[in-house]
Amino acid sequence: MMDKNAVRKIGQMLLVVVPPDLTDSDIIELRREAVKSARKYASTWVLLDFSEVQICDSYFGRFIHSMSQMAQLVGAEAIVCGLSDAVVETLVDMGLWLEGVRVTLDVDSALALTTKAKK
C-alpha cells in the first residue's frame, strides 16, 4: 500500500518521496497523485526523491522516466534525487536518459538548486 504522505507540498515545490517496494498498482497511484497535486498547487518544482529505493526493474525504471516527463507536462520542472548506484545502472542498461531533468545526489542538493534558480 502506498504511503499517503509520499506527496507533500512545500511552498511552490511538490516533494514526492518514493517508498521502497511499491507494487505496479502503487506506482500508478503515486504517479497519478503526484501529477494531480502538481496541477492543483501549480507547483514550480516537482522533487522526486528516490533515496529509499535500492532496486529497480524495467517497470520502475519507466516510472522514474515517466514521472519526470509528466511533471514537465503540467508546467513544473522535475528534479530527481537520491538514485542508488543499482538504480542508475538499471536506467543506463535500459537506455533511459532523463533528458531535460535535473538530477542531484540528495534532497539537500535539490533544495539548494531550487533556491539558486529563484535568484
N, C-alpha and C. Protein backbone atom coordinates (compact mmCIF):
# COMPACT_ATOMS: atom_id res chain seq x y z
N MET A 1 0.84 -1.19 0.00
CA MET A 1 0.00 0.00 0.00
C MET A 1 0.88 1.25 0.00
N MET A 2 0.49 2.23 -0.80
CA MET A 2 1.26 3.45 -0.92
C MET A 2 1.09 4.33 0.31
N ASP A 3 2.17 4.94 0.75
CA ASP A 3 2.16 5.86 1.88
C ASP A 3 1.44 7.13 1.47
N LYS A 4 0.42 7.50 2.21
CA LYS A 4 -0.38 8.70 1.89
C LYS A 4 0.41 9.99 2.09
N ASN A 5 1.53 9.94 2.79
CA ASN A 5 2.37 11.12 2.99
C ASN A 5 3.51 11.20 1.98
N ALA A 6 3.43 10.40 0.94
CA ALA A 6 4.51 10.36 -0.05
C ALA A 6 4.56 11.64 -0.87
N VAL A 7 3.44 12.33 -1.01
CA VAL A 7 3.36 13.55 -1.81
C VAL A 7 3.04 14.71 -0.87
N ARG A 8 3.98 15.68 -0.80
CA ARG A 8 3.79 16.81 0.11
C ARG A 8 4.10 18.13 -0.60
N LYS A 9 3.30 19.14 -0.31
CA LYS A 9 3.52 20.48 -0.85
C LYS A 9 4.43 21.24 0.11
N ILE A 10 5.47 21.83 -0.44
CA ILE A 10 6.38 22.68 0.34
C ILE A 10 6.58 23.96 -0.48
N GLY A 11 5.85 24.99 -0.14
CA GLY A 11 5.91 26.22 -0.93
C GLY A 11 5.46 25.95 -2.35
N GLN A 12 6.28 26.36 -3.32
CA GLN A 12 5.96 26.13 -4.73
C GLN A 12 6.50 24.78 -5.23
N MET A 13 7.00 23.97 -4.30
CA MET A 13 7.58 22.69 -4.66
C MET A 13 6.69 21.56 -4.18
N LEU A 14 6.64 20.52 -4.98
CA LEU A 14 5.96 19.30 -4.59
C LEU A 14 7.04 18.25 -4.34
N LEU A 15 7.10 17.73 -3.12
CA LEU A 15 8.07 16.71 -2.77
C LEU A 15 7.39 15.35 -2.85
N VAL A 16 7.93 14.48 -3.68
CA VAL A 16 7.41 13.13 -3.83
C VAL A 16 8.48 12.17 -3.32
N VAL A 17 8.26 11.62 -2.12
CA VAL A 17 9.19 10.66 -1.53
C VAL A 17 8.71 9.27 -1.95
N VAL A 18 9.48 8.65 -2.82
CA VAL A 18 9.09 7.36 -3.37
C VAL A 18 9.46 6.25 -2.39
N PRO A 19 8.46 5.55 -1.86
CA PRO A 19 8.75 4.48 -0.91
C PRO A 19 9.34 3.25 -1.62
N PRO A 20 10.09 2.44 -0.88
CA PRO A 20 10.62 1.21 -1.48
C PRO A 20 9.51 0.18 -1.64
N ASP A 21 9.75 -0.80 -2.46
CA ASP A 21 8.85 -1.96 -2.60
C ASP A 21 7.44 -1.60 -3.04
N LEU A 22 7.31 -0.67 -3.97
CA LEU A 22 5.98 -0.35 -4.49
C LEU A 22 5.53 -1.44 -5.47
N THR A 23 4.26 -1.77 -5.42
CA THR A 23 3.70 -2.67 -6.43
C THR A 23 3.42 -1.85 -7.69
N ASP A 24 3.13 -2.52 -8.78
CA ASP A 24 2.82 -1.80 -10.02
C ASP A 24 1.61 -0.89 -9.84
N SER A 25 0.60 -1.36 -9.12
CA SER A 25 -0.59 -0.51 -8.89
C SER A 25 -0.26 0.67 -7.98
N ASP A 26 0.65 0.48 -7.01
CA ASP A 26 1.10 1.60 -6.17
C ASP A 26 1.82 2.65 -7.00
N ILE A 27 2.62 2.20 -7.95
CA ILE A 27 3.35 3.11 -8.82
C ILE A 27 2.38 3.97 -9.62
N ILE A 28 1.36 3.35 -10.17
CA ILE A 28 0.35 4.10 -10.94
C ILE A 28 -0.37 5.09 -10.04
N GLU A 29 -0.74 4.67 -8.84
CA GLU A 29 -1.42 5.55 -7.89
C GLU A 29 -0.54 6.73 -7.50
N LEU A 30 0.73 6.48 -7.22
CA LEU A 30 1.65 7.55 -6.84
C LEU A 30 1.83 8.54 -7.98
N ARG A 31 1.98 8.02 -9.18
CA ARG A 31 2.15 8.90 -10.35
C ARG A 31 0.93 9.79 -10.53
N ARG A 32 -0.25 9.21 -10.42
CA ARG A 32 -1.49 10.00 -10.58
C ARG A 32 -1.63 11.05 -9.48
N GLU A 33 -1.32 10.67 -8.25
CA GLU A 33 -1.42 11.61 -7.13
C GLU A 33 -0.42 12.77 -7.30
N ALA A 34 0.78 12.45 -7.74
CA ALA A 34 1.80 13.48 -7.91
C ALA A 34 1.40 14.47 -9.01
N VAL A 35 0.91 13.98 -10.12
CA VAL A 35 0.51 14.87 -11.22
C VAL A 35 -0.70 15.70 -10.82
N LYS A 36 -1.66 15.06 -10.17
CA LYS A 36 -2.86 15.78 -9.71
C LYS A 36 -2.47 16.90 -8.74
N SER A 37 -1.57 16.60 -7.81
CA SER A 37 -1.13 17.59 -6.83
C SER A 37 -0.31 18.70 -7.47
N ALA A 38 0.56 18.35 -8.40
CA ALA A 38 1.37 19.38 -9.09
C ALA A 38 0.47 20.37 -9.81
N ARG A 39 -0.55 19.86 -10.45
CA ARG A 39 -1.50 20.74 -11.15
C ARG A 39 -2.31 21.56 -10.14
N LYS A 40 -2.82 20.90 -9.11
CA LYS A 40 -3.66 21.57 -8.11
C LYS A 40 -2.93 22.74 -7.46
N TYR A 41 -1.66 22.54 -7.11
CA TYR A 41 -0.90 23.56 -6.41
C TYR A 41 -0.07 24.45 -7.35
N ALA A 42 -0.20 24.24 -8.64
CA ALA A 42 0.59 24.97 -9.63
C ALA A 42 2.06 24.96 -9.24
N SER A 43 2.56 23.78 -8.94
CA SER A 43 3.94 23.63 -8.46
C SER A 43 4.94 24.05 -9.53
N THR A 44 5.94 24.80 -9.12
CA THR A 44 7.02 25.20 -10.00
C THR A 44 8.03 24.06 -10.13
N TRP A 45 8.21 23.33 -9.05
CA TRP A 45 9.18 22.23 -8.98
C TRP A 45 8.48 20.97 -8.51
N VAL A 46 8.87 19.83 -9.07
CA VAL A 46 8.48 18.53 -8.54
C VAL A 46 9.77 17.79 -8.23
N LEU A 47 10.01 17.60 -6.95
CA LEU A 47 11.21 16.92 -6.48
C LEU A 47 10.87 15.46 -6.23
N LEU A 48 11.48 14.59 -7.00
CA LEU A 48 11.24 13.15 -6.92
C LEU A 48 12.40 12.52 -6.17
N ASP A 49 12.14 12.15 -4.93
CA ASP A 49 13.18 11.61 -4.05
C ASP A 49 13.13 10.08 -4.06
N PHE A 50 14.14 9.47 -4.66
CA PHE A 50 14.22 8.02 -4.77
C PHE A 50 15.23 7.42 -3.79
N SER A 51 15.59 8.15 -2.75
CA SER A 51 16.66 7.70 -1.84
C SER A 51 16.31 6.43 -1.07
N GLU A 52 15.03 6.11 -0.93
CA GLU A 52 14.65 4.89 -0.22
C GLU A 52 14.62 3.66 -1.12
N VAL A 53 14.73 3.87 -2.43
CA VAL A 53 14.63 2.79 -3.41
C VAL A 53 16.03 2.25 -3.71
N GLN A 54 16.21 0.96 -3.51
CA GLN A 54 17.53 0.36 -3.72
C GLN A 54 17.61 -0.53 -4.94
N ILE A 55 16.47 -1.00 -5.44
CA ILE A 55 16.48 -1.85 -6.63
C ILE A 55 15.46 -1.32 -7.63
N CYS A 56 15.66 -1.67 -8.89
CA CYS A 56 14.84 -1.11 -9.94
C CYS A 56 14.65 -2.15 -11.03
N ASP A 57 13.39 -2.44 -11.38
CA ASP A 57 13.13 -3.28 -12.53
C ASP A 57 12.73 -2.38 -13.70
N SER A 58 12.42 -2.98 -14.84
CA SER A 58 12.12 -2.17 -16.02
C SER A 58 10.86 -1.32 -15.82
N TYR A 59 9.85 -1.86 -15.14
CA TYR A 59 8.62 -1.10 -14.91
C TYR A 59 8.91 0.12 -14.04
N PHE A 60 9.70 -0.09 -13.00
CA PHE A 60 10.03 1.01 -12.11
C PHE A 60 10.93 2.03 -12.83
N GLY A 61 11.82 1.55 -13.67
CA GLY A 61 12.67 2.45 -14.45
C GLY A 61 11.84 3.35 -15.35
N ARG A 62 10.85 2.78 -15.99
CA ARG A 62 9.95 3.59 -16.82
C ARG A 62 9.15 4.57 -15.97
N PHE A 63 8.83 4.18 -14.73
CA PHE A 63 8.13 5.07 -13.80
C PHE A 63 8.98 6.31 -13.52
N ILE A 64 10.25 6.14 -13.25
CA ILE A 64 11.14 7.29 -12.99
C ILE A 64 11.12 8.22 -14.20
N HIS A 65 11.26 7.65 -15.36
CA HIS A 65 11.27 8.43 -16.59
C HIS A 65 9.93 9.13 -16.82
N SER A 66 8.83 8.39 -16.69
CA SER A 66 7.51 8.98 -16.96
C SER A 66 7.13 10.03 -15.92
N MET A 67 7.51 9.83 -14.67
CA MET A 67 7.20 10.83 -13.63
C MET A 67 7.85 12.17 -13.96
N SER A 68 9.09 12.13 -14.37
CA SER A 68 9.78 13.38 -14.69
C SER A 68 9.16 14.05 -15.91
N GLN A 69 8.76 13.26 -16.90
CA GLN A 69 8.11 13.84 -18.07
C GLN A 69 6.74 14.40 -17.73
N MET A 70 5.97 13.70 -16.90
CA MET A 70 4.64 14.16 -16.53
C MET A 70 4.71 15.47 -15.75
N ALA A 71 5.70 15.61 -14.89
CA ALA A 71 5.87 16.86 -14.15
C ALA A 71 6.07 18.01 -15.12
N GLN A 72 6.90 17.78 -16.13
CA GLN A 72 7.15 18.82 -17.11
C GLN A 72 5.89 19.17 -17.91
N LEU A 73 5.08 18.17 -18.19
CA LEU A 73 3.86 18.40 -18.97
C LEU A 73 2.80 19.19 -18.21
N VAL A 74 2.90 19.25 -16.89
CA VAL A 74 1.96 20.08 -16.12
C VAL A 74 2.62 21.39 -15.68
N GLY A 75 3.75 21.73 -16.31
CA GLY A 75 4.36 23.03 -16.11
C GLY A 75 5.37 23.13 -14.99
N ALA A 76 5.77 22.01 -14.42
CA ALA A 76 6.76 22.04 -13.34
C ALA A 76 8.11 21.56 -13.87
N GLU A 77 9.14 21.99 -13.20
CA GLU A 77 10.46 21.48 -13.51
C GLU A 77 10.75 20.31 -12.58
N ALA A 78 11.15 19.20 -13.15
CA ALA A 78 11.40 18.00 -12.35
C ALA A 78 12.85 17.95 -11.89
N ILE A 79 13.02 17.53 -10.65
CA ILE A 79 14.34 17.24 -10.12
C ILE A 79 14.28 15.83 -9.55
N VAL A 80 15.17 14.99 -10.00
CA VAL A 80 15.26 13.62 -9.50
C VAL A 80 16.46 13.57 -8.57
N CYS A 81 16.28 13.00 -7.39
CA CYS A 81 17.41 12.90 -6.47
C CYS A 81 17.40 11.55 -5.77
N GLY A 82 18.57 11.20 -5.23
CA GLY A 82 18.69 10.02 -4.39
C GLY A 82 18.74 8.70 -5.12
N LEU A 83 19.10 8.70 -6.40
CA LEU A 83 19.17 7.44 -7.13
C LEU A 83 20.36 6.62 -6.64
N SER A 84 20.10 5.37 -6.26
CA SER A 84 21.18 4.49 -5.81
C SER A 84 22.00 4.04 -7.02
N ASP A 85 23.18 3.51 -6.75
CA ASP A 85 24.04 3.03 -7.83
C ASP A 85 23.34 1.95 -8.65
N ALA A 86 22.62 1.04 -7.98
CA ALA A 86 21.93 -0.04 -8.69
C ALA A 86 20.83 0.51 -9.59
N VAL A 87 20.10 1.52 -9.13
CA VAL A 87 19.04 2.12 -9.94
C VAL A 87 19.65 2.85 -11.14
N VAL A 88 20.73 3.57 -10.93
CA VAL A 88 21.41 4.26 -12.02
C VAL A 88 21.87 3.25 -13.07
N GLU A 89 22.46 2.17 -12.61
CA GLU A 89 22.94 1.14 -13.53
C GLU A 89 21.79 0.56 -14.35
N THR A 90 20.66 0.29 -13.71
CA THR A 90 19.50 -0.25 -14.42
C THR A 90 18.98 0.74 -15.45
N LEU A 91 18.88 2.02 -15.09
CA LEU A 91 18.41 3.03 -16.03
C LEU A 91 19.31 3.11 -17.25
N VAL A 92 20.61 3.08 -17.04
CA VAL A 92 21.56 3.15 -18.14
C VAL A 92 21.44 1.89 -19.01
N ASP A 93 21.35 0.73 -18.38
CA ASP A 93 21.21 -0.52 -19.13
C ASP A 93 19.95 -0.52 -19.99
N MET A 94 18.90 0.13 -19.50
CA MET A 94 17.64 0.20 -20.23
C MET A 94 17.64 1.32 -21.28
N GLY A 95 18.67 2.15 -21.27
CA GLY A 95 18.73 3.25 -22.22
C GLY A 95 17.81 4.40 -21.88
N LEU A 96 17.43 4.52 -20.61
CA LEU A 96 16.54 5.61 -20.18
C LEU A 96 17.37 6.79 -19.69
N TRP A 97 17.42 7.81 -20.49
CA TRP A 97 18.11 9.05 -20.10
C TRP A 97 17.06 10.03 -19.63
N LEU A 98 17.38 10.80 -18.64
CA LEU A 98 16.43 11.77 -18.10
C LEU A 98 16.71 13.14 -18.71
N GLU A 99 16.51 13.22 -20.02
CA GLU A 99 16.78 14.47 -20.73
C GLU A 99 15.87 15.58 -20.22
N GLY A 100 16.45 16.75 -20.02
CA GLY A 100 15.70 17.90 -19.57
C GLY A 100 15.34 17.86 -18.09
N VAL A 101 15.87 16.88 -17.38
CA VAL A 101 15.56 16.73 -15.96
C VAL A 101 16.84 16.97 -15.16
N ARG A 102 16.73 17.78 -14.17
CA ARG A 102 17.86 17.99 -13.28
C ARG A 102 17.96 16.81 -12.32
N VAL A 103 19.18 16.36 -12.09
CA VAL A 103 19.41 15.22 -11.20
C VAL A 103 20.43 15.64 -10.16
N THR A 104 20.13 15.37 -8.90
CA THR A 104 21.06 15.68 -7.82
C THR A 104 21.27 14.43 -6.97
N LEU A 105 22.30 14.47 -6.14
CA LEU A 105 22.61 13.32 -5.31
C LEU A 105 21.64 13.13 -4.16
N ASP A 106 21.13 14.25 -3.59
CA ASP A 106 20.27 14.13 -2.41
C ASP A 106 19.28 15.29 -2.35
N VAL A 107 18.38 15.23 -1.38
CA VAL A 107 17.34 16.24 -1.22
C VAL A 107 17.95 17.61 -0.93
N ASP A 108 18.98 17.66 -0.10
CA ASP A 108 19.60 18.95 0.23
C ASP A 108 20.12 19.64 -1.03
N SER A 109 20.77 18.89 -1.89
CA SER A 109 21.27 19.47 -3.15
C SER A 109 20.12 19.92 -4.04
N ALA A 110 19.03 19.17 -4.05
CA ALA A 110 17.87 19.55 -4.85
C ALA A 110 17.24 20.83 -4.32
N LEU A 111 17.11 20.94 -3.01
CA LEU A 111 16.55 22.16 -2.42
C LEU A 111 17.44 23.36 -2.71
N ALA A 112 18.74 23.16 -2.63
CA ALA A 112 19.68 24.24 -2.96
C ALA A 112 19.52 24.68 -4.41
N LEU A 113 19.28 23.72 -5.28
CA LEU A 113 19.09 24.02 -6.70
C LEU A 113 17.84 24.86 -6.92
N THR A 114 16.75 24.55 -6.22
CA THR A 114 15.53 25.32 -6.37
C THR A 114 15.70 26.73 -5.82
N THR A 115 16.43 26.86 -4.74
CA THR A 115 16.70 28.17 -4.16
C THR A 115 17.57 29.02 -5.08
N LYS A 116 18.60 28.40 -5.64
CA LYS A 116 19.51 29.09 -6.54
C LYS A 116 18.76 29.56 -7.80
N ALA A 117 17.85 28.74 -8.30
CA ALA A 117 17.11 29.07 -9.53
C ALA A 117 16.14 30.24 -9.32
N LYS A 118 15.71 30.48 -8.07
CA LYS A 118 14.79 31.59 -7.78
C LYS A 118 15.47 32.94 -7.94
N LYS A 119 16.79 32.96 -7.74
CA LYS A 119 17.52 34.25 -7.75
C LYS A 119 17.74 34.76 -9.14
